[in-house]
Amino acid sequence: MIIWTDFELGNHRLSCPACGRKPNEKTLGVTLDHEGRGVAHCFRCNYVESYRPEHGALHRPGKPITRPVQATKHETLSEYWLELWSACKPLHGVALDYLKGRRCALPLEDGDLRCHPALKHPSGYVGPALVALITDIHTNEPISLHRTWVKTDGTKADVDPPRMLLAGHRKQGGVIRLWPDDSVGCRVAICEGIETGLSLAHAYEPVWACIDAGNLAQFPLLLGVTSLLIAADNDPAGIKAANECAARWANAGHEVFVTQQNQNDINDALLEAA
């Protein structure tokens, strides 16, 4: 049960009382309005709880508090999501307007970044989304998808969270190839997020997005690549990951550059300058 009196007006994230296994698994969204009324919804197990000051807390009928069965972990992209990826189209419409609104350079057409005009979010929202294919760094085999629900004005859709990886699929050892392998010669640039990579691409390409700091930190040495540029996010995790990756490449005798900016990432810096 949720102790509703512990929360102030607004939105909060916490571990689900039904399926939460660790305190940092904040899959439960909690909203409390100015009259003290609240609603909570878990995006993983669909646990729902509502609160009214005069009645207390209630669970939605038909939504028992049960611990879900652990889904099978897919090492490669499952058939269902392969079909969805095949249904995605080259960048156009709202997705294209979103990238232009973020002042991003555009990747090659029909590459590993596409769009879906009406993709369903776990909250029930349906809307346009950027869909990125995550492939194994070494084998290029599809292993997962990254989805970002977007709007035309360069902002993300009003859903929580607006970015999602697939459940039950690995991301470790994967990248989003914003430019294909045949564009990678002796050099490549890496970053965490898609928008960061497409901002860097105004000045430097090819670029691959590593999804998060953990993947960037572990980015391996690549045969034939002797120069690496790392677009680091300006936060503790991003700086630590960039330094760890840079040290490994430099110790192997390769040329390494790491970007710096006052803003959180290069896309933020580009938007501020614009």
C-alpha atoms as a PDB file:
ATOM      1  CA  MET A   1       0.000   0.000   0.000  1.00  0.00           C
ATOM      2  CA  ILE A   2       1.057   3.605  -0.617  1.00  0.00           C
ATOM      3  CA  ILE A   3       1.284   5.993   2.339  1.00  0.00           C
ATOM      4  CA  TRP A   4      -0.415   8.892   0.574  1.00  0.00           C
ATOM      5  CA  THR A   5       0.082  11.396   3.396  1.00  0.00           C
ATOM      6  CA  ASP A   6       3.848  11.206   2.790  1.00  0.00           C
ATOM      7  CA  PHE A   7       3.530  12.956  -0.587  1.00  0.00           C
ATOM      8  CA  GLU A   8       3.174  16.591  -1.539  1.00  0.00           C
ATOM      9  CA  LEU A   9       1.181  18.034  -4.437  1.00  0.00           C
ATOM     10  CA  GLY A  10       2.532  16.993  -7.852  1.00  0.00           C
ATOM     11  CA  ASN A  11       4.099  14.007  -9.584  1.00  0.00           C
ATOM     12  CA  HIS A  12       6.345  11.404  -7.976  1.00  0.00           C
ATOM     13  CA  ARG A  13       8.091   8.155  -8.950  1.00  0.00           C
ATOM     14  CA  LEU A  14       8.714   5.222  -6.618  1.00  0.00           C
ATOM     15  CA  SER A  15       9.042   1.469  -6.456  1.00  0.00           C
ATOM     16  CA  CYS A  16       5.804  -0.436  -7.083  1.00  0.00           C
ATOM     17  CA  PRO A  17       4.316  -2.186  -4.013  1.00  0.00           C
ATOM     18  CA  ALA A  18       3.219  -5.070  -6.250  1.00  0.00           C
ATOM     19  CA  CYS A  19       6.159  -5.852  -8.531  1.00  0.00           C
ATOM     20  CA  GLY A  20       9.027  -3.731  -7.185  1.00  0.00           C
ATOM     21  CA  ARG A  21      12.150  -5.704  -6.394  1.00  0.00           C
ATOM     22  CA  LYS A  22      14.613  -2.888  -5.706  1.00  0.00           C
ATOM     23  CA  PRO A  23      14.140   0.648  -4.307  1.00  0.00           C
ATOM     24  CA  ASN A  24      15.654   2.179  -7.455  1.00  0.00           C
ATOM     25  CA  GLU A  25      13.112   0.483  -9.762  1.00  0.00           C
ATOM     26  CA  LYS A  26      10.797   3.478  -9.870  1.00  0.00           C
ATOM     27  CA  THR A  27       8.114   2.102 -12.166  1.00  0.00           C
ATOM     28  CA  LEU A  28       5.186   3.528 -10.195  1.00  0.00           C
ATOM     29  CA  GLY A  29       3.949   6.994 -11.162  1.00  0.00           C
ATOM     30  CA  VAL A  30       2.112   8.831  -8.369  1.00  0.00           C
ATOM     31  CA  THR A  31       0.123  12.030  -8.896  1.00  0.00           C
ATOM     32  CA  LEU A  32      -1.503  14.072  -6.109  1.00  0.00           C
ATOM     33  CA  ASP A  33      -3.720  17.058  -6.977  1.00  0.00           C
ATOM     34  CA  HIS A  34      -4.442  20.267  -5.025  1.00  0.00           C
ATOM     35  CA  GLU A  35      -7.515  18.711  -3.380  1.00  0.00           C
ATOM     36  CA  GLY A  36      -5.470  15.841  -1.993  1.00  0.00           C
ATOM     37  CA  ARG A  37      -6.773  13.282  -4.494  1.00  0.00           C
ATOM     38  CA  GLY A  38      -4.250  10.840  -5.848  1.00  0.00           C
ATOM     39  CA  VAL A  39      -3.739   8.117  -8.425  1.00  0.00           C
ATOM     40  CA  ALA A  40      -0.856   5.691  -8.887  1.00  0.00           C
ATOM     41  CA  HIS A  41      -0.080   3.457 -11.876  1.00  0.00           C
ATOM     42  CA  CYS A  42       2.782   1.010 -12.473  1.00  0.00           C
ATOM     43  CA  PHE A  43       4.002   0.927 -16.060  1.00  0.00           C
ATOM     44  CA  ARG A  44       5.412  -2.580 -15.598  1.00  0.00           C
ATOM     45  CA  CYS A  45       2.640  -4.612 -13.933  1.00  0.00           C
ATOM     46  CA  ASN A  46      -0.360  -2.233 -14.342  1.00  0.00           C
ATOM     47  CA  TYR A  47      -0.924  -2.029 -10.572  1.00  0.00           C
ATOM     48  CA  VAL A  48      -3.343   0.850  -9.930  1.00  0.00           C
ATOM     49  CA  GLU A  49      -4.264   2.575  -6.683  1.00  0.00           C
ATOM     50  CA  SER A  50      -6.413   5.654  -6.138  1.00  0.00           C
ATOM     51  CA  TYR A  51      -6.783   7.846  -3.075  1.00  0.00           C
ATOM     52  CA  ARG A  52      -9.480  10.194  -1.789  1.00  0.00           C
ATOM     53  CA  PRO A  53      -9.018  12.000   1.554  1.00  0.00           C
ATOM     54  CA  GLU A  54     -12.574  11.147   2.600  1.00  0.00           C
ATOM     55  CA  HIS A  55     -12.413   7.454   1.621  1.00  0.00           C
ATOM     56  CA  GLY A  56      -8.760   6.440   1.792  1.00  0.00           C
ATOM     57  CA  ALA A  57      -6.963   4.208  -0.719  1.00  0.00           C
ATOM     58  CA  LEU A  58      -8.674   1.847  -3.175  1.00  0.00           C
ATOM     59  CA  HIS A  59      -7.306  -0.692  -5.662  1.00  0.00           C
ATOM     60  CA  ARG A  60      -8.880  -0.860  -9.085  1.00  0.00           C
ATOM     61  CA  PRO A  61     -11.105  -3.979  -9.368  1.00  0.00           C
ATOM     62  CA  GLY A  62      -9.518  -6.732 -11.395  1.00  0.00           C
ATOM     63  CA  LYS A  63      -5.985  -5.484 -10.681  1.00  0.00           C
ATOM     64  CA  PRO A  64      -4.806  -7.704  -7.808  1.00  0.00           C
ATOM     65  CA  ILE A  65      -1.441  -7.100  -6.215  1.00  0.00           C
ATOM     66  CA  THR A  66       0.502  -9.991  -7.686  1.00  0.00           C
ATOM     67  CA  ARG A  67       4.149 -10.369  -8.507  1.00  0.00           C
ATOM     68  CA  PRO A  68       4.431 -10.871 -12.259  1.00  0.00           C
ATOM     69  CA  VAL A  69       6.198 -13.859 -13.729  1.00  0.00           C
ATOM     70  CA  GLN A  70       9.677 -12.958 -14.898  1.00  0.00           C
ATOM     71  CA  ALA A  71       9.658 -12.648 -18.675  1.00  0.00           C
ATOM     72  CA  THR A  72      12.112 -14.529 -20.843  1.00  0.00           C
ATOM     73  CA  LYS A  73      15.265 -12.542 -21.521  1.00  0.00           C
ATOM     74  CA  HIS A  74      15.844 -12.198 -25.261  1.00  0.00           C
ATOM     75  CA  GLU A  75      19.433 -12.075 -26.459  1.00  0.00           C
ATOM     76  CA  THR A  76      18.234 -10.952 -29.896  1.00  0.00           C
ATOM     77  CA  LEU A  77      15.212  -8.966 -31.027  1.00  0.00           C
ATOM     78  CA  SER A  78      12.027 -11.039 -30.719  1.00  0.00           C
ATOM     79  CA  GLU A  79       9.832 -11.790 -33.722  1.00  0.00           C
ATOM     80  CA  TYR A  80       7.047  -9.430 -32.611  1.00  0.00           C
ATOM     81  CA  TRP A  81       9.384  -6.448 -32.337  1.00  0.00           C
ATOM     82  CA  LEU A  82      11.178  -7.360 -35.573  1.00  0.00           C
ATOM     83  CA  GLU A  83       7.825  -7.074 -37.319  1.00  0.00           C
ATOM     84  CA  LEU A  84       7.156  -3.723 -35.675  1.00  0.00           C
ATOM     85  CA  TRP A  85      10.597  -2.478 -36.736  1.00  0.00           C
ATOM     86  CA  SER A  86       9.859  -3.590 -40.305  1.00  0.00           C
ATOM     87  CA  ALA A  87       6.615  -1.587 -40.167  1.00  0.00           C
ATOM     88  CA  CYS A  88       8.460   1.615 -39.250  1.00  0.00           C
ATOM     89  CA  LYS A  89       9.079   4.150 -41.994  1.00  0.00           C
ATOM     90  CA  PRO A  90      11.946   6.477 -42.937  1.00  0.00           C
ATOM     91  CA  LEU A  91      11.906   9.713 -40.968  1.00  0.00           C
ATOM     92  CA  HIS A  92       8.999  11.961 -41.922  1.00  0.00           C
ATOM     93  CA  GLY A  93       6.096  13.890 -40.450  1.00  0.00           C
ATOM     94  CA  VAL A  94       6.079  14.538 -36.705  1.00  0.00           C
ATOM     95  CA  ALA A  95       9.312  12.591 -36.088  1.00  0.00           C
ATOM     96  CA  LEU A  96      11.166  14.643 -38.692  1.00  0.00           C
ATOM     97  CA  ASP A  97       9.711  17.882 -37.306  1.00  0.00           C
ATOM     98  CA  TYR A  98      10.845  16.840 -33.819  1.00  0.00           C
ATOM     99  CA  LEU A  99      14.453  16.376 -34.960  1.00  0.00           C
ATOM    100  CA  LYS A 100      14.406  19.673 -36.835  1.00  0.00           C
ATOM    101  CA  GLY A 101      12.981  21.339 -33.726  1.00  0.00           C
ATOM    102  CA  ARG A 102      15.935  19.947 -31.769  1.00  0.00           C
ATOM    103  CA  ARG A 103      18.324  21.388 -34.425  1.00  0.00           C
ATOM    104  CA  CYS A 104      19.585  17.874 -35.205  1.00  0.00           C
ATOM    105  CA  ALA A 105      21.466  16.799 -38.309  1.00  0.00           C
ATOM    106  CA  LEU A 106      19.511  14.114 -40.141  1.00  0.00           C
ATOM    107  CA  PRO A 107      20.926  10.583 -40.465  1.00  0.00           C
ATOM    108  CA  LEU A 108      20.875   8.563 -43.655  1.00  0.00           C
ATOM    109  CA  GLU A 109      17.384   7.687 -44.884  1.00  0.00           C
ATOM    110  CA  ASP A 110      15.970   4.306 -43.870  1.00  0.00           C
ATOM    111  CA  GLY A 111      18.850   3.607 -41.518  1.00  0.00           C
ATOM    112  CA  ASP A 112      18.693   2.465 -37.909  1.00  0.00           C
ATOM    113  CA  LEU A 113      16.552   5.451 -36.890  1.00  0.00           C
ATOM    114  CA  ARG A 114      12.995   5.421 -38.211  1.00  0.00           C
ATOM    115  CA  CYS A 115       9.540   6.549 -37.117  1.00  0.00           C
ATOM    116  CA  HIS A 116       6.170   5.045 -36.289  1.00  0.00           C
ATOM    117  CA  PRO A 117       3.080   7.250 -36.718  1.00  0.00           C
ATOM    118  CA  ALA A 118       0.950   5.704 -33.942  1.00  0.00           C
ATOM    119  CA  LEU A 119       2.931   3.707 -31.399  1.00  0.00           C
ATOM    120  CA  LYS A 120       1.239   2.653 -28.165  1.00  0.00           C
ATOM    121  CA  HIS A 121       2.818   3.674 -24.864  1.00  0.00           C
ATOM    122  CA  PRO A 122       2.323   1.468 -21.751  1.00  0.00           C
ATOM    123  CA  SER A 123       0.178   4.273 -20.285  1.00  0.00           C
ATOM    124  CA  GLY A 124      -2.321   3.789 -23.109  1.00  0.00           C
ATOM    125  CA  TYR A 125      -1.266   6.892 -25.052  1.00  0.00           C
ATOM    126  CA  VAL A 126      -0.900   6.379 -28.807  1.00  0.00           C
ATOM    127  CA  GLY A 127       1.188   8.775 -30.852  1.00  0.00           C
ATOM    128  CA  PRO A 128       4.154   9.297 -33.170  1.00  0.00           C
ATOM    129  CA  ALA A 129       7.532   8.024 -32.029  1.00  0.00           C
ATOM    130  CA  LEU A 130      11.145   7.784 -33.063  1.00  0.00           C
ATOM    131  CA  VAL A 131      12.143   4.124 -33.140  1.00  0.00           C
ATOM    132  CA  ALA A 132      15.836   3.223 -33.085  1.00  0.00           C
ATOM    133  CA  LEU A 133      17.267  -0.230 -33.746  1.00  0.00           C
ATOM    134  CA  ILE A 134      19.850  -1.401 -31.218  1.00  0.00           C
ATOM    135  CA  THR A 135      22.383  -3.797 -32.693  1.00  0.00           C
ATOM    136  CA  ASP A 136      25.265  -5.790 -31.242  1.00  0.00           C
ATOM    137  CA  ILE A 137      28.495  -3.807 -31.602  1.00  0.00           C
ATOM    138  CA  HIS A 138      30.436  -6.741 -33.030  1.00  0.00           C
ATOM    139  CA  THR A 139      27.868  -8.827 -34.940  1.00  0.00           C
ATOM    140  CA  ASN A 140      25.396  -6.105 -35.995  1.00  0.00           C
ATOM    141  CA  GLU A 141      22.575  -8.457 -34.965  1.00  0.00           C
ATOM    142  CA  PRO A 142      19.366  -6.663 -33.810  1.00  0.00           C
ATOM    143  CA  ILE A 143      18.969  -7.003 -30.031  1.00  0.00           C
ATOM    144  CA  SER A 144      16.423  -4.351 -28.964  1.00  0.00           C
ATOM    145  CA  LEU A 145      14.542  -1.147 -29.823  1.00  0.00           C
ATOM    146  CA  HIS A 146      14.650   2.327 -28.302  1.00  0.00           C
ATOM    147  CA  ARG A 147      11.426   4.370 -28.538  1.00  0.00           C
ATOM    148  CA  THR A 148      10.909   8.114 -28.024  1.00  0.00           C
ATOM    149  CA  TRP A 149       7.387   9.559 -28.197  1.00  0.00           C
ATOM    150  CA  VAL A 150       7.642  13.041 -29.727  1.00  0.00           C
ATOM    151  CA  LYS A 151       5.817  16.217 -30.736  1.00  0.00           C
ATOM    152  CA  THR A 152       6.359  18.571 -33.671  1.00  0.00           C
ATOM    153  CA  ASP A 153       7.695  21.431 -31.554  1.00  0.00           C
ATOM    154  CA  GLY A 154      10.913  19.621 -30.652  1.00  0.00           C
ATOM    155  CA  THR A 155       9.640  18.369 -27.301  1.00  0.00           C
ATOM    156  CA  LYS A 156       8.836  14.886 -26.114  1.00  0.00           C
ATOM    157  CA  ALA A 157       5.247  13.727 -25.734  1.00  0.00           C
ATOM    158  CA  ASP A 158       3.518  14.224 -22.387  1.00  0.00           C
ATOM    159  CA  VAL A 159       3.902  10.620 -21.261  1.00  0.00           C
ATOM    160  CA  ASP A 160       5.958   9.112 -18.466  1.00  0.00           C
ATOM    161  CA  PRO A 161       8.532   8.019 -19.393  1.00  0.00           C
ATOM    162  CA  PRO A 162       8.781   9.472 -22.930  1.00  0.00           C
ATOM    163  CA  ARG A 163      11.759   7.213 -23.733  1.00  0.00           C
ATOM    164  CA  MET A 164      11.691   3.452 -23.336  1.00  0.00           C
ATOM    165  CA  LEU A 165      13.764   0.377 -24.087  1.00  0.00           C
ATOM    166  CA  LEU A 166      12.103  -2.984 -24.631  1.00  0.00           C
ATOM    167  CA  ALA A 167      11.497  -5.092 -21.565  1.00  0.00           C
ATOM    168  CA  GLY A 168      13.116  -8.514 -21.638  1.00  0.00           C
ATOM    169  CA  HIS A 169      15.753  -7.555 -24.208  1.00  0.00           C
ATOM    170  CA  ARG A 170      19.422  -6.910 -23.580  1.00  0.00           C
ATOM    171  CA  LYS A 171      21.060  -3.581 -24.319  1.00  0.00           C
ATOM    172  CA  GLN A 172      24.532  -4.445 -23.029  1.00  0.00           C
ATOM    173  CA  GLY A 173      27.020  -4.492 -25.886  1.00  0.00           C
ATOM    174  CA  GLY A 174      24.589  -2.690 -28.164  1.00  0.00           C
ATOM    175  CA  VAL A 175      24.625   0.620 -30.042  1.00  0.00           C
ATOM    176  CA  ILE A 176      22.329   2.645 -32.275  1.00  0.00           C
ATOM    177  CA  ARG A 177      24.202   2.953 -35.556  1.00  0.00           C
ATOM    178  CA  LEU A 178      23.134   6.444 -36.607  1.00  0.00           C
ATOM    179  CA  TRP A 179      25.540   5.911 -39.492  1.00  0.00           C
ATOM    180  CA  PRO A 180      26.171   2.440 -40.971  1.00  0.00           C
ATOM    181  CA  ASP A 181      29.311   0.333 -40.680  1.00  0.00           C
ATOM    182  CA  ASP A 182      30.472   1.168 -44.200  1.00  0.00           C
ATOM    183  CA  SER A 183      30.782   4.836 -43.204  1.00  0.00           C
ATOM    184  CA  VAL A 184      33.181   3.969 -40.371  1.00  0.00           C
ATOM    185  CA  GLY A 185      36.792   4.071 -41.528  1.00  0.00           C
ATOM    186  CA  CYS A 186      39.598   4.727 -39.082  1.00  0.00           C
ATOM    187  CA  ARG A 187      37.445   6.957 -36.877  1.00  0.00           C
ATOM    188  CA  VAL A 188      34.059   6.989 -35.141  1.00  0.00           C
ATOM    189  CA  ALA A 189      32.270   9.154 -32.592  1.00  0.00           C
ATOM    190  CA  ILE A 190      30.112   7.862 -29.751  1.00  0.00           C
ATOM    191  CA  CYS A 191      27.683   9.429 -27.294  1.00  0.00           C
ATOM    192  CA  GLU A 192      24.822   8.392 -25.027  1.00  0.00           C
ATOM    193  CA  GLY A 193      21.646   9.805 -26.589  1.00  0.00           C
ATOM    194  CA  ILE A 194      20.293   9.990 -30.119  1.00  0.00           C
ATOM    195  CA  GLU A 195      19.788  13.762 -30.085  1.00  0.00           C
ATOM    196  CA  THR A 196      23.339  14.260 -28.794  1.00  0.00           C
ATOM    197  CA  GLY A 197      24.698  12.163 -31.659  1.00  0.00           C
ATOM    198  CA  LEU A 198      22.703  14.007 -34.290  1.00  0.00           C
ATOM    199  CA  SER A 199      23.878  17.347 -32.869  1.00  0.00           C
ATOM    200  CA  LEU A 200      27.512  16.252 -32.988  1.00  0.00           C
ATOM    201  CA  ALA A 201      26.969  15.127 -36.591  1.00  0.00           C
ATOM    202  CA  HIS A 202      26.809  18.760 -37.741  1.00  0.00           C
ATOM    203  CA  ALA A 203      30.589  18.809 -37.229  1.00  0.00           C
ATOM    204  CA  TYR A 204      31.689  15.170 -37.038  1.00  0.00           C
ATOM    205  CA  GLU A 205      30.488  11.853 -38.373  1.00  0.00           C
ATOM    206  CA  PRO A 206      29.968   8.912 -38.342  1.00  0.00           C
ATOM    207  CA  VAL A 207      28.277   8.783 -34.935  1.00  0.00           C
ATOM    208  CA  TRP A 208      26.883   5.891 -32.907  1.00  0.00           C
ATOM    209  CA  ALA A 209      24.656   6.317 -29.832  1.00  0.00           C
ATOM    210  CA  CYS A 210      25.441   4.010 -26.895  1.00  0.00           C
ATOM    211  CA  ILE A 211      22.036   4.530 -25.194  1.00  0.00           C
ATOM    212  CA  ASP A 212      23.396   5.194 -21.705  1.00  0.00           C
ATOM    213  CA  ALA A 213      26.547   5.818 -19.676  1.00  0.00           C
ATOM    214  CA  GLY A 214      27.014   2.146 -18.837  1.00  0.00           C
ATOM    215  CA  ASN A 215      27.206   1.089 -22.469  1.00  0.00           C
ATOM    216  CA  LEU A 216      29.435   4.040 -23.351  1.00  0.00           C
ATOM    217  CA  ALA A 217      31.880   3.180 -20.567  1.00  0.00           C
ATOM    218  CA  GLN A 218      32.235  -0.352 -21.932  1.00  0.00           C
ATOM    219  CA  PHE A 219      32.508   0.612 -25.617  1.00  0.00           C
ATOM    220  CA  PRO A 220      35.113  -1.850 -26.939  1.00  0.00           C
ATOM    221  CA  LEU A 221      38.144  -1.414 -29.126  1.00  0.00           C
ATOM    222  CA  LEU A 222      37.209  -1.906 -32.776  1.00  0.00           C
ATOM    223  CA  LEU A 223      39.419  -3.435 -35.425  1.00  0.00           C
ATOM    224  CA  GLY A 224      40.677  -0.769 -37.823  1.00  0.00           C
ATOM    225  CA  VAL A 225      39.370   2.183 -35.795  1.00  0.00           C
ATOM    226  CA  THR A 226      42.282   4.251 -34.466  1.00  0.00           C
ATOM    227  CA  SER A 227      40.546   7.523 -33.556  1.00  0.00           C
ATOM    228  CA  LEU A 228      37.614   7.853 -31.155  1.00  0.00           C
ATOM    229  CA  LEU A 229      35.618  10.991 -30.309  1.00  0.00           C
ATOM    230  CA  ILE A 230      33.438  10.789 -27.188  1.00  0.00           C
ATOM    231  CA  ALA A 231      30.615  13.301 -26.771  1.00  0.00           C
ATOM    232  CA  ALA A 232      30.334  13.223 -22.981  1.00  0.00           C
ATOM    233  CA  ASP A 233      27.239  14.178 -21.022  1.00  0.00           C
ATOM    234  CA  ASN A 234      28.077  16.772 -18.380  1.00  0.00           C
ATOM    235  CA  ASP A 235      26.908  14.831 -15.331  1.00  0.00           C
ATOM    236  CA  PRO A 236      28.811  12.566 -12.921  1.00  0.00           C
ATOM    237  CA  ALA A 237      27.786   9.332 -14.667  1.00  0.00           C
ATOM    238  CA  GLY A 238      28.507  10.726 -18.126  1.00  0.00           C
ATOM    239  CA  ILE A 239      31.918  12.140 -17.199  1.00  0.00           C
ATOM    240  CA  LYS A 240      32.955   8.938 -15.428  1.00  0.00           C
ATOM    241  CA  ALA A 241      31.867   6.795 -18.380  1.00  0.00           C
ATOM    242  CA  ALA A 242      33.685   8.983 -20.909  1.00  0.00           C
ATOM    243  CA  ASN A 243      36.889   8.963 -18.863  1.00  0.00           C
ATOM    244  CA  GLU A 244      36.766   5.189 -18.417  1.00  0.00           C
ATOM    245  CA  CYS A 245      36.252   4.576 -22.128  1.00  0.00           C
ATOM    246  CA  ALA A 246      38.866   7.164 -23.132  1.00  0.00           C
ATOM    247  CA  ALA A 247      41.478   5.662 -20.815  1.00  0.00           C
ATOM    248  CA  ARG A 248      40.991   2.175 -22.269  1.00  0.00           C
ATOM    249  CA  TRP A 249      41.337   3.414 -25.851  1.00  0.00           C
ATOM    250  CA  ALA A 250      44.305   5.668 -25.050  1.00  0.00           C
ATOM    251  CA  ASN A 251      46.103   2.857 -23.217  1.00  0.00           C
ATOM    252  CA  ALA A 252      45.740   0.775 -26.375  1.00  0.00           C
ATOM    253  CA  GLY A 253      47.607   3.471 -28.303  1.00  0.00           C
ATOM    254  CA  HIS A 254      44.624   5.073 -30.039  1.00  0.00           C
ATOM    255  CA  GLU A 255      43.787   8.745 -30.525  1.00  0.00           C
ATOM    256  CA  VAL A 256      40.931   9.879 -28.255  1.00  0.00           C
ATOM    257  CA  PHE A 257      39.028  13.163 -27.949  1.00  0.00           C
ATOM    258  CA  VAL A 258      36.387  13.970 -25.308  1.00  0.00           C
ATOM    259  CA  THR A 259      34.004  16.904 -25.709  1.00  0.00           C
ATOM    260  CA  GLN A 260      33.161  19.343 -22.927  1.00  0.00           C
ATOM    261  CA  GLN A 261      30.280  21.811 -22.578  1.00  0.00           C
ATOM    262  CA  ASN A 262      28.633  23.706 -19.746  1.00  0.00           C
ATOM    263  CA  GLN A 263      25.236  22.292 -20.646  1.00  0.00           C
ATOM    264  CA  ASN A 264      24.201  18.712 -19.951  1.00  0.00           C
ATOM    265  CA  ASP A 265      24.908  17.559 -23.506  1.00  0.00           C
ATOM    266  CA  ILE A 266      25.765  18.869 -26.957  1.00  0.00           C
ATOM    267  CA  ASN A 267      22.115  19.064 -28.002  1.00  0.00           C
ATOM    268  CA  ASP A 268      21.354  21.341 -25.046  1.00  0.00           C
ATOM    269  CA  ALA A 269      24.334  23.509 -26.035  1.00  0.00           C
ATOM    270  CA  LEU A 270      23.125  23.646 -29.650  1.00  0.00           C
ATOM    271  CA  LEU A 271      19.596  24.639 -28.618  1.00  0.00           C
ATOM    272  CA  GLU A 272      20.930  27.323 -26.288  1.00  0.00           C
ATOM    273  CA  ALA A 273      23.098  28.762 -29.051  1.00  0.00           C
ATOM    274  CA  ALA A 274      20.171  28.711 -31.484  1.00  0.00           C
END
